[in-house]
Amino acid sequence: MELLGTVHWVMHHDASPENANDVITRVHAWSERKRSQMKDGHIRAAWERLCEQGWPGLAAVGDVRAAIGVEGV
């Protein structure tokens, strides 16, 4: 829950919601604790899930795939 909440907050207040790398960088900059506990892959998975559910304004899964450069997932 903390991971999803942190990623959601960063997407809305600190970073470009369509840029997973920016979100990862901003989460890691938040604190040493978050940097050590929240791994890149976990942040990216949370970002993808939030995007799939339309939380940051990227309503469609196709938008997420385009944003992360993945096709056919």
N, C-alpha and C. Protein backbone atom coordinates (compact mmCIF):
# COMPACT_ATOMS: atom_id res chain seq x y z
N MET A 1 0.82 -1.19 0.00
CA MET A 1 0.00 0.00 0.00
C MET A 1 0.86 1.26 0.00
N GLU A 2 1.94 1.23 0.77
CA GLU A 2 2.81 2.41 0.80
C GLU A 2 3.40 2.67 -0.58
N LEU A 3 3.79 1.62 -1.26
CA LEU A 3 4.37 1.77 -2.59
C LEU A 3 3.36 2.39 -3.55
N LEU A 4 2.15 1.85 -3.61
CA LEU A 4 1.13 2.40 -4.50
C LEU A 4 0.81 3.84 -4.13
N GLY A 5 0.68 4.12 -2.85
CA GLY A 5 0.38 5.47 -2.40
C GLY A 5 1.49 6.45 -2.75
N THR A 6 2.72 6.03 -2.58
CA THR A 6 3.87 6.89 -2.90
C THR A 6 3.94 7.17 -4.39
N VAL A 7 3.80 6.12 -5.18
CA VAL A 7 3.87 6.29 -6.64
C VAL A 7 2.72 7.19 -7.11
N HIS A 8 1.53 6.97 -6.58
CA HIS A 8 0.39 7.81 -6.95
C HIS A 8 0.65 9.27 -6.59
N TRP A 9 1.14 9.52 -5.39
CA TRP A 9 1.40 10.89 -4.96
C TRP A 9 2.44 11.56 -5.88
N VAL A 10 3.52 10.85 -6.14
CA VAL A 10 4.57 11.40 -7.00
C VAL A 10 4.03 11.69 -8.40
N MET A 11 3.21 10.80 -8.92
CA MET A 11 2.65 11.00 -10.26
C MET A 11 1.80 12.27 -10.33
N HIS A 12 1.15 12.61 -9.23
CA HIS A 12 0.26 13.77 -9.23
C HIS A 12 0.92 15.06 -8.79
N HIS A 13 2.01 14.98 -8.07
CA HIS A 13 2.60 16.18 -7.48
C HIS A 13 4.02 16.49 -7.91
N ASP A 14 4.76 15.48 -8.32
CA ASP A 14 6.20 15.68 -8.50
C ASP A 14 6.73 15.35 -9.89
N ALA A 15 6.08 14.47 -10.61
CA ALA A 15 6.68 13.93 -11.83
C ALA A 15 5.68 13.94 -12.98
N SER A 16 6.20 13.71 -14.17
CA SER A 16 5.34 13.51 -15.33
C SER A 16 4.71 12.13 -15.20
N PRO A 17 3.38 12.05 -15.12
CA PRO A 17 2.76 10.74 -14.89
C PRO A 17 3.00 9.73 -16.00
N GLU A 18 3.31 10.22 -17.20
CA GLU A 18 3.53 9.29 -18.31
C GLU A 18 4.98 8.83 -18.41
N ASN A 19 5.84 9.28 -17.51
CA ASN A 19 7.26 8.95 -17.57
C ASN A 19 7.66 8.12 -16.35
N ALA A 20 7.72 6.80 -16.52
CA ALA A 20 8.03 5.90 -15.41
C ALA A 20 9.42 6.19 -14.83
N ASN A 21 10.39 6.49 -15.68
CA ASN A 21 11.74 6.76 -15.18
C ASN A 21 11.77 8.00 -14.29
N ASP A 22 11.00 9.01 -14.65
CA ASP A 22 10.91 10.22 -13.83
C ASP A 22 10.27 9.89 -12.48
N VAL A 23 9.22 9.07 -12.51
CA VAL A 23 8.56 8.66 -11.26
C VAL A 23 9.54 7.90 -10.37
N ILE A 24 10.29 6.97 -10.95
CA ILE A 24 11.27 6.21 -10.19
C ILE A 24 12.30 7.13 -9.55
N THR A 25 12.82 8.06 -10.33
CA THR A 25 13.82 9.01 -9.81
C THR A 25 13.27 9.82 -8.67
N ARG A 26 12.03 10.30 -8.80
CA ARG A 26 11.43 11.15 -7.76
C ARG A 26 11.11 10.36 -6.49
N VAL A 27 10.66 9.11 -6.66
CA VAL A 27 10.41 8.28 -5.48
C VAL A 27 11.72 8.05 -4.73
N HIS A 28 12.78 7.74 -5.45
CA HIS A 28 14.07 7.50 -4.80
C HIS A 28 14.64 8.77 -4.16
N ALA A 29 14.30 9.92 -4.69
CA ALA A 29 14.78 11.19 -4.12
C ALA A 29 14.01 11.57 -2.85
N TRP A 30 12.88 10.95 -2.63
CA TRP A 30 12.01 11.28 -1.50
C TRP A 30 12.74 11.06 -0.18
N SER A 31 13.35 9.88 0.00
CA SER A 31 14.08 9.59 1.24
C SER A 31 14.98 8.38 1.02
N GLU A 32 15.96 8.25 1.89
CA GLU A 32 16.87 7.11 1.84
C GLU A 32 16.10 5.81 2.07
N ARG A 33 15.14 5.84 2.97
CA ARG A 33 14.35 4.66 3.27
C ARG A 33 13.57 4.19 2.04
N LYS A 34 12.91 5.13 1.35
CA LYS A 34 12.17 4.75 0.15
C LYS A 34 13.13 4.26 -0.94
N ARG A 35 14.29 4.89 -1.06
CA ARG A 35 15.28 4.47 -2.05
C ARG A 35 15.74 3.04 -1.79
N SER A 36 15.94 2.69 -0.52
CA SER A 36 16.45 1.35 -0.22
C SER A 36 15.36 0.28 -0.26
N GLN A 37 14.13 0.64 0.04
CA GLN A 37 13.06 -0.36 0.08
C GLN A 37 12.28 -0.50 -1.22
N MET A 38 12.16 0.58 -1.98
CA MET A 38 11.35 0.56 -3.19
C MET A 38 12.25 0.44 -4.42
N LYS A 39 12.36 -0.77 -4.91
CA LYS A 39 13.23 -1.07 -6.05
C LYS A 39 12.60 -0.58 -7.35
N ASP A 40 13.45 -0.31 -8.34
CA ASP A 40 12.98 0.20 -9.63
C ASP A 40 11.84 -0.64 -10.21
N GLY A 41 12.02 -1.95 -10.22
CA GLY A 41 11.02 -2.84 -10.80
C GLY A 41 9.68 -2.78 -10.07
N HIS A 42 9.74 -2.63 -8.76
CA HIS A 42 8.51 -2.53 -7.97
C HIS A 42 7.79 -1.21 -8.25
N ILE A 43 8.56 -0.13 -8.34
CA ILE A 43 7.97 1.18 -8.65
C ILE A 43 7.34 1.14 -10.04
N ARG A 44 8.06 0.55 -11.00
CA ARG A 44 7.54 0.47 -12.37
C ARG A 44 6.26 -0.37 -12.40
N ALA A 45 6.21 -1.47 -11.65
CA ALA A 45 5.01 -2.31 -11.61
C ALA A 45 3.83 -1.54 -11.01
N ALA A 46 4.09 -0.78 -9.95
CA ALA A 46 3.04 0.04 -9.34
C ALA A 46 2.57 1.11 -10.33
N TRP A 47 3.52 1.74 -11.02
CA TRP A 47 3.20 2.76 -12.03
C TRP A 47 2.32 2.17 -13.13
N GLU A 48 2.70 0.98 -13.62
CA GLU A 48 1.94 0.33 -14.68
C GLU A 48 0.51 0.01 -14.20
N ARG A 49 0.40 -0.49 -12.98
CA ARG A 49 -0.92 -0.83 -12.44
C ARG A 49 -1.79 0.41 -12.30
N LEU A 50 -1.23 1.48 -11.78
CA LEU A 50 -1.99 2.72 -11.65
C LEU A 50 -2.42 3.25 -13.02
N CYS A 51 -1.54 3.16 -13.99
CA CYS A 51 -1.87 3.61 -15.34
C CYS A 51 -2.96 2.74 -15.95
N GLU A 52 -2.86 1.43 -15.77
CA GLU A 52 -3.88 0.51 -16.30
C GLU A 52 -5.25 0.82 -15.73
N GLN A 53 -5.29 1.27 -14.48
CA GLN A 53 -6.55 1.58 -13.81
C GLN A 53 -7.02 3.01 -14.07
N GLY A 54 -6.21 3.79 -14.80
CA GLY A 54 -6.60 5.14 -15.16
C GLY A 54 -6.38 6.19 -14.09
N TRP A 55 -5.62 5.87 -13.07
CA TRP A 55 -5.41 6.81 -11.96
C TRP A 55 -4.70 8.09 -12.37
N PRO A 56 -3.65 8.05 -13.18
CA PRO A 56 -2.97 9.32 -13.48
C PRO A 56 -3.55 10.06 -14.67
N GLY A 57 -4.66 9.59 -15.23
CA GLY A 57 -5.22 10.25 -16.40
C GLY A 57 -4.89 9.54 -17.69
N LEU A 58 -4.07 8.48 -17.65
CA LEU A 58 -3.81 7.66 -18.82
C LEU A 58 -4.85 6.54 -18.79
N ALA A 59 -5.99 6.80 -19.40
CA ALA A 59 -7.16 5.95 -19.20
C ALA A 59 -7.05 4.56 -19.81
N ALA A 60 -6.35 4.41 -20.88
CA ALA A 60 -6.37 3.12 -21.57
C ALA A 60 -5.04 2.39 -21.43
N VAL A 61 -5.12 1.08 -21.42
CA VAL A 61 -3.92 0.26 -21.36
C VAL A 61 -3.02 0.56 -22.55
N GLY A 62 -3.61 0.85 -23.70
CA GLY A 62 -2.82 1.19 -24.88
C GLY A 62 -1.97 2.41 -24.64
N ASP A 63 -2.47 3.38 -23.88
CA ASP A 63 -1.69 4.56 -23.54
C ASP A 63 -0.49 4.18 -22.69
N VAL A 64 -0.69 3.25 -21.76
CA VAL A 64 0.40 2.79 -20.91
C VAL A 64 1.45 2.10 -21.76
N ARG A 65 1.01 1.21 -22.64
CA ARG A 65 1.97 0.51 -23.49
C ARG A 65 2.76 1.48 -24.34
N ALA A 66 2.09 2.48 -24.88
CA ALA A 66 2.79 3.48 -25.68
C ALA A 66 3.77 4.26 -24.82
N ALA A 67 3.37 4.60 -23.60
CA ALA A 67 4.22 5.39 -22.71
C ALA A 67 5.48 4.63 -22.30
N ILE A 68 5.35 3.31 -22.13
CA ILE A 68 6.51 2.54 -21.68
C ILE A 68 7.22 1.85 -22.84
N GLY A 69 6.67 2.02 -24.05
CA GLY A 69 7.33 1.46 -25.22
C GLY A 69 7.21 -0.03 -25.35
N VAL A 70 6.10 -0.60 -24.88
CA VAL A 70 5.88 -2.04 -24.93
C VAL A 70 4.67 -2.29 -25.82
N GLU A 71 4.79 -3.29 -26.70
CA GLU A 71 3.65 -3.66 -27.53
C GLU A 71 3.26 -5.09 -27.25
N GLY A 72 1.99 -5.37 -27.33
CA GLY A 72 1.49 -6.72 -27.20
C GLY A 72 1.56 -7.32 -25.80
N VAL A 73 1.62 -6.48 -24.78
CA VAL A 73 1.67 -6.99 -23.41
C VAL A 73 0.28 -7.07 -22.86
